[in-house]
Protein backbone atom coordinates (compact mmCIF):
# COMPACT_ATOMS: atom_id res chain seq x y z
CA MET A 1 127.03 55.72 14.69
CA ARG A 2 123.34 54.91 14.56
CA ASN A 3 120.84 53.39 12.20
CA LEU A 4 118.01 55.70 11.20
CA VAL A 5 114.44 54.50 10.62
CA ASP A 6 114.71 55.17 6.88
CA GLY A 7 117.67 52.77 6.53
CA ARG A 8 120.42 55.35 6.52
CA VAL A 9 123.33 55.29 8.96
CA GLU A 10 124.53 58.45 10.69
CA PHE A 11 127.76 59.01 12.58
CA LEU A 12 129.72 61.83 14.14
CA CYS A 13 133.48 61.54 14.34
CA GLN A 14 136.42 63.75 15.02
CA GLY A 15 140.13 63.29 14.99
CA PRO A 16 143.15 63.78 12.78
CA PRO A 17 142.04 64.56 9.20
CA GLU A 18 143.74 61.42 7.84
CA ALA A 19 141.84 59.19 10.27
CA VAL A 20 138.52 60.88 9.49
CA ASP A 21 139.20 60.50 5.76
CA ARG A 22 139.87 56.75 6.26
CA LEU A 23 136.56 56.40 8.09
CA ILE A 24 134.72 58.19 5.29
CA ASP A 25 136.44 55.91 2.75
CA TRP A 26 135.33 52.87 4.79
CA ALA A 27 131.76 54.22 4.87
CA TRP A 28 131.65 53.94 1.06
CA ALA A 29 132.27 50.20 1.35
CA GLY A 30 130.51 49.56 4.64
CA PRO A 31 130.33 46.13 6.24
CA THR A 32 130.01 43.02 4.08
CA ALA A 33 126.20 43.01 3.70
CA ALA A 34 125.85 46.79 3.25
CA GLN A 35 124.45 48.36 0.10
CA VAL A 36 125.96 51.84 0.14
CA THR A 37 124.59 54.22 -2.50
CA ASN A 38 125.65 57.57 -1.09
CA VAL A 39 127.97 59.07 1.53
CA GLU A 40 127.69 62.68 2.67
CA SER A 41 130.10 64.45 4.98
CA GLU A 42 130.21 67.85 6.58
CA VAL A 43 133.16 69.51 8.28
CA VAL A 44 132.25 71.17 11.58
CA ALA A 45 134.28 72.48 14.50
CA GLY A 46 135.65 69.81 16.82
CA ASP A 47 134.24 69.37 20.31
CA PRO A 48 136.93 68.96 23.02
CA ASN A 49 134.30 67.39 25.30
CA LEU A 50 134.08 64.37 22.98
CA ALA A 51 137.09 62.33 24.00
CA ASP A 52 135.72 58.81 24.47
CA PHE A 53 133.95 56.18 22.43
CA LEU A 54 131.05 54.35 23.98
CA ILE A 55 128.29 52.07 22.83
CA GLN A 56 124.81 52.88 24.06
CA PRO A 57 122.03 50.32 23.71
CA ASN A 58 119.29 51.06 21.25
CA PRO A 59 116.10 51.69 23.29
CA ALA A 60 113.97 50.37 20.42
CA LYS A 61 115.74 46.99 20.62
CA THR A 62 115.99 46.73 24.42
CA GLY A 63 112.54 48.10 25.27
CA ASP A 64 114.22 50.76 27.40
CA ASP A 65 112.93 54.16 26.30
CA LYS A 66 114.75 56.13 29.00
CA GLY A 67 117.46 57.23 26.57
CA PRO A 68 121.16 57.80 27.37
CA ARG A 69 122.17 57.84 31.00
């Protein structure tokens, strides 16, 4: 999940269809202060190499422009 410069939020997820559907439903509400006006989703083939969840710092906020390590 990442914030885009135009104010949108983008995320890639995969998992059991029911879990993905719950995440998409949550995206319509968003966190408390969110103002959600649209949610788009696209079904693509899963990637078996994506098995973990990790949080990477935002280079724009940390001053580190080296990108993911």
